[in-house]
């Protein structure tokens, strides 16, 4: 984006060339000048972009990314207003003819080793389902993914913060409007806490409408003397410990798609139909949280938000953005048949998008550079994430970033850290330093869940204190390194479950059996999730004050 300093902008004659030509910036670069003539010129540039062909659009966005301060200064004519360049992330992560796509296609992953895939007993049935899935409508749209990429780019430089959360694995049995609403509502509450108390725009990403498949540490599960294939998520097989239930069934892909479509339909309605209006912030509290410490703390803050909105209305400020919210879906791109079947070529750019979700990530178990998952993801234009643990070598991370984001486009790639509370301080600095030395731009996100799983009382669980400690270490390391903490990724639910121990709700080992409902990994309940949000808000506010110290008394 090229900004013109209004204090140094001289009068602009009406016959002056359009803004894009004046600074020699590419068509499509956003410009701002004072005065009606400059506004007309800017609109004229926008009209030319809208009317141009898709190659012009691709070239302009990438050219905008490559424009430097020196190029703009050299192109500036004598007497022109003072110009400063501001990074404006391009809408596209790469061009259709990018070199890294020379041998890529939506099915080129089939030439690589694909880990964590089911062994279907009937290949003919798999092909029938795959062919059917290739014909269904996309769940999301390319333009939405590009909008998300721009928001993630802001998180990479500290101008926004990512809140990603939802179930460990979605379930066919638990599918209901109330379940979707409650998870959505807690994410809204958390985003309000982070925005209001932390002073930061929040990018909301749900682990919803597609988070069905789960990687497993072992292909088989043994209970007593019986050994059966592991449960891999409802999209592959069923959780019941029977031989019939554990057989991979390709027809479950269709059921997962239909449930994702229904979930997305409801989420879009919630996000734009008035439910997410900031004027309803006091009504979002879940019934069981009304008398809890976190519920009371949230309501106190909600009343302050209400007062601020009433003040805005009294001043005549009416903003339609206060009645809607932007909400995006995400899941681990694990089951390759499903991801390929929902990959579509965008008609406006010629790029391929995986239309099963806005944001896709590659997990710790499938991130091999020569593997099928990285091969597939490098060619789709969605914003992507990769989860890494303390096991990754810094040079391997740099190579992975270069593979998935060859043009180093902000917002294209997020690196999600899942190390465990006791390992972050030792290993994260090495990764940050390697990425910085390579000149790479990523959005750093903390997953404090997967590195802190343990077994107590016969249940897989997580300690709230360890989850919070990993988040604390994540922020501390970034503060020490001078880098940007870009977001948090949580397994959580809007239900009143007892799956993680500790927190303000006081869940103990003896409570786990009372409401342990997860099909896979333990989740934070609503109160614990809000408690995490309040803590993260204090860290965001601390960063804000360090950048802009409040005036001394």
Protein backbone atom coordinates (compact mmCIF):
# COMPACT_ATOMS: atom_id res chain seq x y z
CA UNK A 1 0.00 0.00 0.00
CA UNK A 2 1.33 3.43 -0.86
CA UNK A 3 0.29 6.16 1.55
CA UNK A 4 0.65 9.85 0.68
CA UNK A 5 1.44 12.08 3.63
CA UNK A 6 -1.41 14.59 3.58
CA UNK A 7 0.70 17.23 5.32
CA UNK A 8 3.14 17.26 2.40
CA UNK A 9 0.70 16.82 -0.48
CA UNK A 10 0.62 19.85 -2.81
CA UNK A 11 -2.34 20.83 -4.97
CA UNK A 12 -2.95 18.28 -7.70
CA UNK A 13 -4.05 19.63 -11.12
CA UNK A 14 -7.11 18.05 -12.65
CA UNK A 15 -5.19 16.85 -15.74
CA UNK A 16 -2.56 15.01 -13.68
CA UNK A 17 -1.97 11.36 -14.53
CA UNK A 18 -3.70 8.71 -12.43
CA UNK A 19 -2.10 7.84 -9.12
CA UNK A 20 -0.87 4.44 -10.29
CA UNK A 21 1.13 6.03 -13.12
CA UNK A 22 2.36 8.98 -11.07
CA UNK A 23 4.36 6.80 -8.68
CA UNK A 24 4.99 4.04 -11.17
CA UNK A 25 3.36 1.61 -8.77
CA UNK A 26 1.65 -1.40 -10.34
CA UNK A 27 -2.05 -1.33 -11.16
CA UNK A 28 -3.86 -2.61 -8.10
CA UNK A 29 -1.70 -0.95 -5.46
CA UNK A 30 -3.94 0.97 -3.08
CA UNK A 31 -3.22 4.68 -2.87
CA UNK A 32 -4.49 7.55 -0.77
CA UNK A 33 -4.39 11.28 -1.62
CA UNK A 34 -6.34 14.21 -0.27
CA UNK A 35 -8.84 15.90 -2.53
CA UNK A 36 -11.58 14.77 -4.92
CA UNK A 37 -9.29 14.48 -7.93
CA UNK A 38 -7.00 11.96 -6.25
CA UNK A 39 -10.02 9.97 -5.11
CA UNK A 40 -11.28 9.80 -8.68
CA UNK A 41 -7.88 8.63 -9.82
CA UNK A 42 -7.84 5.94 -7.18
CA UNK A 43 -11.28 4.74 -8.25
CA UNK A 44 -10.13 4.76 -11.85
CA UNK A 45 -7.27 2.46 -10.91
CA UNK A 46 -9.70 0.18 -9.11
CA UNK A 47 -11.95 0.10 -12.17
CA UNK A 48 -9.06 -0.90 -14.37
CA UNK A 49 -8.19 -3.71 -11.98
CA UNK A 50 -11.78 -4.95 -11.91
CA UNK A 51 -11.96 -4.91 -15.69
CA UNK A 52 -8.55 -6.47 -16.29
CA UNK A 53 -7.89 -10.10 -16.97
CA UNK A 54 -6.87 -12.50 -14.26
CA UNK A 55 -3.21 -12.44 -15.26
CA UNK A 56 -3.14 -8.68 -14.68
CA UNK A 57 -4.64 -9.25 -11.23
CA UNK A 58 -2.07 -11.89 -10.34
CA UNK A 59 0.82 -9.78 -11.61
CA UNK A 60 -0.31 -6.65 -9.83
CA UNK A 61 -0.69 -8.24 -6.41
CA UNK A 62 2.67 -9.94 -6.53
CA UNK A 63 4.32 -6.83 -7.99
CA UNK A 64 2.87 -4.82 -5.13
CA UNK A 65 4.54 -7.20 -2.72
CA UNK A 66 7.89 -6.70 -4.46
CA UNK A 67 7.75 -2.88 -4.53
CA UNK A 68 10.41 -1.37 -2.25
CA UNK A 69 10.97 2.00 -0.70
CA UNK A 70 13.87 2.68 -3.05
CA UNK A 71 11.84 1.90 -6.16
CA UNK A 72 9.11 4.27 -5.09
CA UNK A 73 11.57 7.05 -4.25
CA UNK A 74 13.33 6.71 -7.61
CA UNK A 75 10.03 6.81 -9.46
CA UNK A 76 8.74 9.84 -7.59
CA UNK A 77 8.58 12.90 -9.92
CA UNK A 78 9.94 16.26 -8.82
CA UNK A 79 7.51 18.17 -6.65
CA UNK A 80 5.42 15.10 -5.85
CA UNK A 81 4.05 14.65 -2.33
CA UNK A 82 6.08 12.81 0.28
CA UNK A 83 5.54 9.07 -0.01
CA UNK A 84 6.09 6.25 2.44
CA UNK A 85 5.63 2.60 1.56
CA UNK A 86 3.55 0.44 3.86
CA UNK A 87 3.54 -3.34 3.45
CA UNK A 88 0.26 -4.39 1.86
CA UNK A 89 0.10 -8.19 1.64
CA UNK A 90 -0.90 -9.43 -1.80
CA UNK A 91 -4.10 -11.38 -2.24
CA UNK A 92 -2.33 -14.31 -3.90
CA UNK A 93 0.41 -16.52 -2.44
CA UNK A 94 1.88 -17.25 -5.87
CA UNK A 95 1.19 -17.03 -9.58
CA UNK A 96 -0.41 -19.71 -11.70
CA UNK A 97 2.88 -20.25 -13.55
CA UNK A 98 5.03 -20.28 -10.40
CA UNK A 99 8.07 -22.54 -10.77
CA UNK A 100 7.14 -24.69 -7.76
CA UNK A 101 3.94 -25.72 -9.57
CA UNK A 102 5.66 -27.13 -12.66
CA UNK A 103 5.06 -30.75 -11.67
CA UNK A 104 2.16 -30.14 -9.27
CA UNK A 105 -1.47 -31.10 -9.72
CA UNK A 106 -4.25 -31.78 -7.21
CA UNK A 107 -3.40 -35.49 -7.45
CA UNK A 108 0.42 -35.32 -7.61
CA UNK A 109 0.48 -36.28 -3.93
CA UNK A 110 -0.34 -39.83 -5.07
CA UNK A 111 3.24 -40.18 -6.26
CA UNK A 112 4.49 -39.61 -2.71
CA UNK A 113 4.26 -41.57 0.53
CA UNK A 114 1.03 -40.67 2.32
CA UNK A 115 1.15 -41.41 6.05
CA UNK A 116 -1.84 -41.80 8.39
CA UNK A 117 -4.18 -42.94 5.61
CA UNK A 118 -6.84 -45.65 6.10
CA UNK A 119 -6.61 -49.00 4.36
CA UNK A 120 -10.01 -49.31 2.69
CA UNK A 121 -11.04 -52.90 1.94
CA UNK A 122 -12.96 -51.95 -1.23
CA UNK A 123 -11.04 -49.73 -3.66
CA UNK A 124 -13.96 -49.65 -6.10
CA UNK A 125 -16.16 -48.13 -3.39
CA UNK A 126 -13.47 -45.54 -2.67
CA UNK A 127 -13.40 -44.54 -6.34
CA UNK A 128 -17.20 -44.23 -6.51
CA UNK A 129 -17.26 -41.98 -3.45
CA UNK A 130 -14.32 -39.93 -4.70
CA UNK A 131 -16.00 -39.35 -8.08
CA UNK A 132 -19.19 -38.28 -6.31
CA UNK A 133 -17.29 -35.91 -4.01
CA UNK A 134 -15.58 -34.26 -6.98
CA UNK A 135 -19.00 -33.08 -8.18
CA UNK A 136 -20.36 -31.57 -4.95
CA UNK A 137 -20.38 -27.79 -4.42
CA UNK A 138 -17.40 -26.26 -2.59
CA UNK A 139 -17.83 -25.61 1.12
CA UNK A 140 -15.88 -22.32 1.08
CA UNK A 141 -14.82 -19.87 -1.61
CA UNK A 142 -11.46 -18.67 -2.85
CA UNK A 143 -12.23 -15.01 -2.12
CA UNK A 144 -12.89 -15.82 1.53
CA UNK A 145 -9.54 -17.60 1.77
CA UNK A 146 -7.78 -14.58 0.30
CA UNK A 147 -9.45 -12.29 2.83
CA UNK A 148 -8.28 -14.57 5.63
CA UNK A 149 -4.73 -14.52 4.27
CA UNK A 150 -4.67 -10.72 4.52
CA UNK A 151 -5.84 -10.90 8.12
CA UNK A 152 -3.23 -13.50 9.00
CA UNK A 153 -0.62 -11.24 7.44
CA UNK A 154 -1.59 -8.59 9.97
CA UNK A 155 -1.18 -11.10 12.78
CA UNK A 156 2.34 -11.81 11.53
CA UNK A 157 3.35 -8.19 12.22
CA UNK A 158 1.42 -7.68 15.44
CA UNK A 159 -1.57 -5.83 14.01
CA UNK A 160 -4.03 -8.66 14.78
CA UNK A 161 -4.16 -11.86 16.81
CA UNK A 162 -5.41 -15.33 15.84
CA UNK A 163 -7.88 -17.23 18.01
CA UNK A 164 -8.24 -20.79 16.71
CA UNK A 165 -10.37 -23.26 18.61
CA UNK A 166 -12.90 -26.03 18.61
CA UNK A 167 -13.34 -29.75 19.18
CA UNK A 168 -10.45 -32.16 19.07
CA UNK A 169 -12.49 -34.13 16.53
CA UNK A 170 -16.01 -33.44 15.35
CA UNK A 171 -18.49 -36.23 15.89
CA UNK A 172 -21.52 -37.45 13.97
CA UNK A 173 -23.25 -38.41 17.23
CA UNK A 174 -22.75 -34.99 18.88
CA UNK A 175 -23.85 -33.02 15.83
CA UNK A 176 -26.55 -30.50 16.77
CA UNK A 177 -27.37 -26.83 16.37
CA UNK A 178 -26.90 -26.30 20.11
CA UNK A 179 -23.43 -27.84 20.08
CA UNK A 180 -22.34 -25.62 17.18
CA UNK A 181 -23.89 -22.54 18.78
CA UNK A 182 -22.24 -23.10 22.15
CA UNK A 183 -18.76 -23.51 20.67
CA UNK A 184 -19.28 -20.49 18.43
CA UNK A 185 -20.54 -18.47 21.40
CA UNK A 186 -17.50 -19.23 23.57
CA UNK A 187 -15.20 -18.26 20.70
CA UNK A 188 -17.13 -14.99 20.43
CA UNK A 189 -16.74 -14.40 24.16
CA UNK A 190 -13.03 -15.09 24.00
CA UNK A 191 -12.61 -12.77 21.02
CA UNK A 192 -14.43 -9.97 22.85
CA UNK A 193 -12.16 -10.43 25.87
CA UNK A 194 -9.07 -10.33 23.66
CA UNK A 195 -10.30 -7.34 21.66
CA UNK A 196 -11.58 -5.23 24.54
CA UNK A 197 -9.08 -6.12 27.25
CA UNK A 198 -6.16 -6.77 24.92
CA UNK A 199 -6.81 -3.96 22.45
CA UNK A 200 -6.24 -6.16 19.41
CA UNK A 201 -8.35 -7.15 16.34
CA UNK A 202 -9.01 -10.89 16.50
CA UNK A 203 -8.95 -13.34 13.58
CA UNK A 204 -11.47 -16.05 14.50
CA UNK A 205 -10.74 -19.56 13.21
CA UNK A 206 -12.94 -22.48 14.20
CA UNK A 207 -11.83 -26.11 14.28
CA UNK A 208 -15.23 -26.77 12.77
CA UNK A 209 -16.99 -27.98 9.62
CA UNK A 210 -14.29 -30.47 8.67
CA UNK A 211 -12.18 -31.47 11.70
CA UNK A 212 -13.11 -35.16 11.56
CA UNK A 213 -9.89 -37.08 10.84
CA UNK A 214 -7.29 -37.70 13.55
CA UNK A 215 -3.72 -39.00 13.27
CA UNK A 216 -2.88 -41.88 15.57
CA UNK A 217 0.36 -42.87 17.24
CA UNK A 218 -0.33 -46.57 16.55
CA UNK A 219 -2.34 -48.28 13.80
CA UNK A 220 -3.86 -50.78 16.25
CA UNK A 221 -5.60 -50.45 19.63
CA UNK A 222 -5.67 -53.19 22.22
CA UNK A 223 -8.16 -53.60 25.05
CA UNK A 224 -7.63 -56.73 27.10
CA UNK A 225 -6.90 -59.54 24.68
CA UNK A 226 -8.71 -57.88 21.76
CA UNK A 227 -6.75 -55.87 19.19
CA UNK A 228 -8.53 -53.77 16.55
CA UNK A 229 -7.64 -50.95 14.13
CA UNK A 230 -7.37 -47.58 15.88
CA UNK A 231 -10.24 -45.14 15.73
CA UNK A 232 -9.20 -42.45 13.20
CA UNK A 233 -12.18 -40.10 13.37
CA UNK A 234 -15.78 -40.35 12.23
CA UNK A 235 -14.85 -39.57 8.63
CA UNK A 236 -12.89 -42.88 8.48
CA UNK A 237 -14.34 -45.36 11.00
CA UNK A 238 -16.44 -45.45 14.14
CA UNK A 239 -15.35 -45.18 17.81
CA UNK A 240 -17.15 -48.30 19.07
CA UNK A 241 -14.65 -51.03 19.91
CA UNK A 242 -16.00 -53.65 17.54
CA UNK A 243 -14.47 -55.22 14.45
CA UNK A 244 -17.29 -53.94 12.27
CA UNK A 245 -17.11 -50.34 13.56
CA UNK A 246 -13.35 -50.09 13.04
CA UNK A 247 -13.42 -51.04 9.34
CA UNK A 248 -12.69 -47.88 7.26
CA UNK A 249 -15.81 -46.91 5.31
CA UNK A 250 -15.48 -44.47 2.36
CA UNK A 251 -19.18 -43.56 2.57
CA UNK A 252 -18.38 -41.69 5.77
CA UNK A 253 -16.68 -39.02 3.61
CA UNK A 254 -20.08 -38.09 2.21
CA UNK A 255 -21.61 -37.91 5.68
CA UNK A 256 -18.73 -35.71 6.86
CA UNK A 257 -19.19 -33.40 3.86
CA UNK A 258 -22.94 -33.09 4.50
CA UNK A 259 -22.40 -32.32 8.17
CA UNK A 260 -19.73 -29.76 7.30
CA UNK A 261 -22.09 -28.06 4.85
CA UNK A 262 -24.84 -27.87 7.48
CA UNK A 263 -22.37 -26.59 10.09
CA UNK A 264 -21.10 -23.89 7.74
CA UNK A 265 -24.65 -22.85 6.90
CA UNK A 266 -25.39 -22.34 10.58
CA UNK A 267 -22.10 -20.57 11.26
CA UNK A 268 -22.70 -18.14 8.39
CA UNK A 269 -26.15 -17.42 9.81
CA UNK A 270 -24.77 -16.82 13.30
CA UNK A 271 -21.96 -14.61 12.00
CA UNK A 272 -24.08 -12.37 9.77
CA UNK A 273 -27.64 -12.75 11.01
CA UNK A 274 -27.43 -10.66 14.18
CA UNK A 275 -26.42 -13.32 16.71
CA UNK A 276 -22.82 -12.07 16.69
CA UNK A 277 -23.83 -8.43 17.12
CA UNK A 278 -21.77 -6.61 19.73
CA UNK A 279 -25.04 -5.36 21.18
CA UNK A 280 -25.70 -8.95 22.30
CA UNK A 281 -22.39 -9.34 24.10
CA UNK A 282 -24.09 -9.53 27.52
CA UNK A 283 -26.40 -12.31 26.32
CA UNK A 284 -23.66 -14.70 25.15
CA UNK A 285 -22.96 -16.16 28.59
CA UNK A 286 -23.77 -19.86 28.86
CA UNK A 287 -26.32 -20.78 31.50
CA UNK A 288 -23.95 -22.92 33.56
CA UNK A 289 -21.37 -20.11 33.68
CA UNK A 290 -23.61 -17.46 35.17
CA UNK A 291 -22.37 -17.89 38.75
CA UNK A 292 -18.81 -18.95 37.98
CA UNK A 293 -15.84 -16.67 38.58
CA UNK A 294 -15.06 -16.44 34.87
CA UNK A 295 -18.72 -15.90 34.00
CA UNK A 296 -19.00 -13.00 36.42
CA UNK A 297 -15.72 -11.57 35.16
CA UNK A 298 -16.99 -11.78 31.59
CA UNK A 299 -20.31 -10.12 32.42
CA UNK A 300 -18.53 -7.26 34.15
CA UNK A 301 -16.51 -6.65 31.00
CA UNK A 302 -19.59 -7.11 28.79
CA UNK A 303 -21.38 -4.32 30.66
CA UNK A 304 -18.44 -2.02 29.92
CA UNK A 305 -18.70 -2.94 26.25
CA UNK A 306 -22.43 -2.18 26.33
CA UNK A 307 -21.73 1.24 27.82
CA UNK A 308 -19.16 1.98 25.12
CA UNK A 309 -21.63 1.00 22.39
CA UNK A 310 -24.37 3.15 23.94
CA UNK A 311 -21.94 6.06 23.99
CA UNK A 312 -21.17 5.53 20.29
CA UNK A 313 -24.87 5.48 19.45
CA UNK A 314 -25.44 8.64 21.47
CA UNK A 315 -22.71 10.33 19.43
CA UNK A 316 -24.41 9.29 16.20
CA UNK A 317 -21.85 6.63 15.31
CA UNK A 318 -23.51 3.76 13.46
CA UNK A 319 -21.21 1.02 12.18
CA UNK A 320 -22.64 -2.04 10.42
CA UNK A 321 -19.52 -4.06 11.31
CA UNK A 322 -20.71 -4.06 14.93
CA UNK A 323 -23.64 -6.32 14.02
CA UNK A 324 -21.67 -9.01 12.17
CA UNK A 325 -18.39 -10.83 12.51
CA UNK A 326 -15.95 -12.64 10.24
CA UNK A 327 -15.53 -16.29 11.11
CA UNK A 328 -13.42 -18.85 9.26
CA UNK A 329 -13.17 -22.63 9.34
CA UNK A 330 -10.07 -24.79 9.61
CA UNK A 331 -9.02 -28.40 9.97
CA UNK A 332 -6.01 -30.66 9.62
CA UNK A 333 -5.60 -31.70 5.99
CA UNK A 334 -5.09 -35.35 6.85
CA UNK A 335 -7.38 -37.55 4.74
CA UNK A 336 -6.04 -36.97 1.25
CA UNK A 337 -8.96 -38.43 -0.73
CA UNK A 338 -11.28 -35.90 0.92
CA UNK A 339 -8.96 -32.93 0.39
CA UNK A 340 -8.28 -33.69 -3.28
CA UNK A 341 -11.96 -34.27 -4.04
CA UNK A 342 -12.87 -30.81 -2.72
CA UNK A 343 -10.05 -28.96 -4.49
CA UNK A 344 -11.34 -26.56 -7.15
CA UNK A 345 -9.73 -24.18 -9.65
CA UNK A 346 -10.64 -20.56 -8.99
CA UNK A 347 -12.08 -18.96 -12.14
CA UNK A 348 -10.75 -15.48 -11.34
CA UNK A 349 -7.10 -16.37 -10.66
CA UNK A 350 -6.56 -19.81 -12.17
CA UNK A 351 -5.18 -21.05 -8.83
CA UNK A 352 -6.34 -24.20 -7.06
CA UNK A 353 -8.02 -23.90 -3.65
CA UNK A 354 -8.90 -26.67 -1.24
CA UNK A 355 -12.52 -25.69 -0.70
CA UNK A 356 -13.05 -27.98 2.29
CA UNK A 357 -12.00 -25.13 4.62
CA UNK A 358 -10.58 -21.62 4.59
CA UNK A 359 -7.41 -22.62 6.48
CA UNK A 360 -5.66 -26.00 6.43
CA UNK A 361 -2.78 -27.25 8.49
CA UNK A 362 -0.31 -30.10 8.28
CA UNK A 363 0.29 -32.00 11.50
CA UNK A 364 3.47 -33.02 13.25
CA UNK A 365 3.14 -36.62 12.06
CA UNK A 366 2.65 -35.83 8.35
CA UNK A 367 4.96 -32.85 7.70
CA UNK A 368 7.73 -34.76 5.89
CA UNK A 369 9.23 -32.60 3.15
CA UNK A 370 9.13 -35.48 0.67
CA UNK A 371 5.70 -36.67 1.81
CA UNK A 372 2.26 -36.53 0.21
CA UNK A 373 0.78 -33.94 2.55
CA UNK A 374 3.42 -31.26 1.91
CA UNK A 375 3.26 -32.07 -1.81
CA UNK A 376 -0.49 -31.44 -1.87
CA UNK A 377 -0.49 -28.34 0.32
CA UNK A 378 2.29 -26.54 -1.54
CA UNK A 379 0.04 -26.20 -4.59
CA UNK A 380 -3.24 -25.03 -3.05
CA UNK A 381 -3.59 -21.29 -2.53
CA UNK A 382 -5.31 -21.39 0.88
CA UNK A 383 -3.51 -19.92 3.87
CA UNK A 384 -1.74 -22.83 5.53
CA UNK A 385 -0.35 -23.91 8.87
CA UNK A 386 2.23 -26.46 9.97
CA UNK A 387 2.42 -27.86 13.49
CA UNK A 388 5.91 -28.48 14.82
CA UNK A 389 7.27 -29.88 18.06
CA UNK A 390 10.65 -29.64 19.77
CA UNK A 391 11.82 -32.47 17.48
CA UNK A 392 12.12 -30.32 14.36
CA UNK A 393 15.54 -29.07 13.32
CA UNK A 394 15.68 -25.32 12.59
CA UNK A 395 17.12 -25.91 9.11
CA UNK A 396 14.28 -28.33 8.36
CA UNK A 397 11.76 -25.68 9.37
CA UNK A 398 13.40 -23.13 7.04
CA UNK A 399 13.23 -25.62 4.17
CA UNK A 400 9.59 -26.38 4.90
CA UNK A 401 8.67 -22.69 4.92
CA UNK A 402 10.47 -22.19 1.60
CA UNK A 403 8.55 -25.14 0.12
CA UNK A 404 5.11 -24.00 1.24
CA UNK A 405 5.66 -20.26 0.82
CA UNK A 406 8.26 -19.88 -1.96
CA UNK A 407 7.44 -16.19 -2.56
CA UNK A 408 7.55 -15.35 1.18
CA UNK A 409 4.06 -13.83 1.08
CA UNK A 410 2.78 -12.60 4.48
CA UNK A 411 -0.24 -14.51 5.73
CA UNK A 412 0.39 -17.55 3.56
CA UNK A 413 1.95 -19.67 6.30
CA UNK A 414 1.51 -20.02 10.05
CA UNK A 415 3.85 -22.05 12.23
CA UNK A 416 2.02 -23.59 15.17
CA UNK A 417 4.24 -24.57 18.09
CA UNK A 418 3.21 -27.67 20.10
CA UNK A 419 6.14 -28.49 22.33
CA UNK A 420 5.00 -28.87 25.92
CA UNK A 421 5.33 -26.37 28.73
CA UNK A 422 8.80 -27.56 29.72
CA UNK A 423 10.34 -27.38 26.24
CA UNK A 424 9.28 -24.05 24.71
CA UNK A 425 11.95 -21.88 26.32
CA UNK A 426 14.74 -24.19 25.18
CA UNK A 427 13.64 -24.89 21.59
CA UNK A 428 11.46 -22.04 20.29
CA UNK A 429 14.26 -19.40 20.28
CA UNK A 430 16.31 -21.53 17.88
CA UNK A 431 13.39 -21.75 15.46
CA UNK A 432 12.64 -18.04 15.62
CA UNK A 433 16.29 -17.19 15.03
CA UNK A 434 16.58 -19.55 12.04
CA UNK A 435 13.45 -18.15 10.40
CA UNK A 436 14.60 -14.60 11.04
CA UNK A 437 18.05 -15.28 9.60
CA UNK A 438 16.40 -16.72 6.48
CA UNK A 439 14.31 -13.55 6.10
CA UNK A 440 11.07 -15.53 6.15
CA UNK A 441 7.68 -14.16 7.22
CA UNK A 442 5.39 -16.46 9.20
CA UNK A 443 2.60 -16.10 11.73
CA UNK A 444 3.68 -17.76 14.99
CA UNK A 445 0.86 -19.58 16.82
CA UNK A 446 0.92 -21.47 20.12
CA UNK A 447 -0.86 -24.82 20.52
CA UNK A 448 -0.54 -25.44 24.28
CA UNK A 449 -2.65 -28.60 24.18
CA UNK A 450 -0.88 -31.44 22.36
CA UNK A 451 2.44 -31.24 24.16
CA UNK A 452 0.79 -31.43 27.58
CA UNK A 453 -1.31 -34.59 27.39
CA UNK A 454 -1.00 -37.15 30.19
CA UNK A 455 -3.00 -39.91 31.83
CA UNK A 456 -4.51 -39.62 35.32
CA UNK A 457 -7.13 -41.82 36.93
CA UNK A 458 -7.33 -43.91 33.78
CA UNK A 459 -8.29 -40.89 31.63
CA UNK A 460 -6.30 -38.99 29.06
CA UNK A 461 -6.24 -35.42 30.37
CA UNK A 462 -4.34 -32.12 30.45
CA UNK A 463 -3.48 -29.86 33.35
CA UNK A 464 -4.76 -26.30 33.04
CA UNK A 465 -1.59 -25.01 34.70
CA UNK A 466 0.60 -26.65 32.04
CA UNK A 467 -1.53 -25.22 29.25
CA UNK A 468 -1.25 -21.74 30.69
CA UNK A 469 2.47 -22.21 31.35
CA UNK A 470 3.15 -23.07 27.71
CA UNK A 471 1.27 -19.95 26.58
CA UNK A 472 3.25 -17.89 29.08
CA UNK A 473 6.54 -19.33 27.79
CA UNK A 474 5.45 -18.64 24.19
CA UNK A 475 4.86 -14.96 24.96
CA UNK A 476 8.00 -14.67 27.07
CA UNK A 477 10.22 -16.08 24.31
CA UNK A 478 8.78 -13.76 21.70
CA UNK A 479 9.22 -10.81 24.04
CA UNK A 480 12.87 -11.72 24.61
CA UNK A 481 13.51 -12.35 20.91
CA UNK A 482 11.70 -9.21 19.73
CA UNK A 483 9.41 -11.33 17.53
CA UNK A 484 5.62 -11.42 17.22
CA UNK A 485 3.31 -13.88 19.04
CA UNK A 486 0.57 -14.24 16.45
CA UNK A 487 -2.10 -16.43 18.01
CA UNK A 488 -3.27 -19.38 20.10
CA UNK A 489 -4.76 -22.69 18.98
CA UNK A 490 -6.95 -24.48 21.54
CA UNK A 491 -8.94 -27.67 21.75
CA UNK A 492 -12.04 -26.46 23.58
CA UNK A 493 -15.79 -26.71 23.69
CA UNK A 494 -18.76 -24.67 24.79
CA UNK A 495 -20.01 -27.58 26.88
CA UNK A 496 -19.63 -28.01 30.62
CA UNK A 497 -17.24 -30.96 30.32
CA UNK A 498 -14.70 -32.23 32.85
CA UNK A 499 -11.78 -33.31 30.68
CA UNK A 500 -8.91 -30.97 31.68
CA UNK A 501 -7.83 -30.69 35.33
CA UNK A 502 -7.58 -27.37 37.17
CA UNK A 503 -8.39 -23.77 36.39
CA UNK A 504 -10.94 -21.59 38.12
CA UNK A 505 -13.59 -24.27 37.74
CA UNK A 506 -11.59 -26.45 40.13
CA UNK A 507 -11.82 -29.75 38.23
CA UNK A 508 -9.94 -32.55 39.99
CA UNK A 509 -8.92 -36.04 38.95
CA UNK A 510 -12.00 -37.45 40.68
CA UNK A 511 -14.23 -35.21 38.53
CA UNK A 512 -13.01 -36.55 35.18
CA UNK A 513 -15.54 -39.37 35.04
CA UNK A 514 -18.57 -37.10 35.57
CA UNK A 515 -18.66 -35.36 32.17
CA UNK A 516 -15.84 -36.84 30.08
CA UNK A 517 -17.42 -36.74 26.62
CA UNK A 518 -14.56 -36.40 24.15
CA UNK A 519 -14.08 -39.07 21.48
CA UNK A 520 -10.37 -38.35 21.28
CA UNK A 521 -8.34 -35.78 23.23
CA UNK A 522 -9.39 -33.76 26.33
CA UNK A 523 -10.76 -30.25 25.76
CA UNK A 524 -10.95 -27.09 27.81
CA UNK A 525 -14.50 -26.34 28.90
CA UNK A 526 -16.11 -22.92 28.47
CA UNK A 527 -14.96 -21.52 31.82
CA UNK A 528 -11.38 -22.72 31.34
CA UNK A 529 -11.33 -21.31 27.81
CA UNK A 530 -12.46 -17.89 29.03
CA UNK A 531 -9.84 -17.98 31.77
CA UNK A 532 -7.16 -18.57 29.12
CA UNK A 533 -8.58 -15.67 27.08
CA UNK A 534 -8.30 -13.29 30.05
CA UNK A 535 -4.69 -14.31 30.58
CA UNK A 536 -3.79 -13.88 26.89
CA UNK A 537 -5.48 -10.47 26.97
CA UNK A 538 -3.10 -9.35 29.73
CA UNK A 539 -0.14 -10.33 27.54
CA UNK A 540 -1.55 -8.52 24.52
CA UNK A 541 -2.13 -5.41 26.62
CA UNK A 542 1.46 -5.66 27.89
CA UNK A 543 2.75 -5.76 24.30
CA UNK A 544 0.59 -2.80 23.41
CA UNK A 545 1.92 -0.75 26.33
CA UNK A 546 5.50 -1.63 25.43
CA UNK A 547 4.93 -0.30 21.92
CA UNK A 548 2.98 2.75 23.07
CA UNK A 549 3.72 3.47 26.73
CA UNK A 550 0.89 5.30 28.50
CA UNK A 551 1.73 8.90 29.48
CA UNK A 552 3.28 9.16 32.91
CA UNK A 553 1.25 10.81 35.64
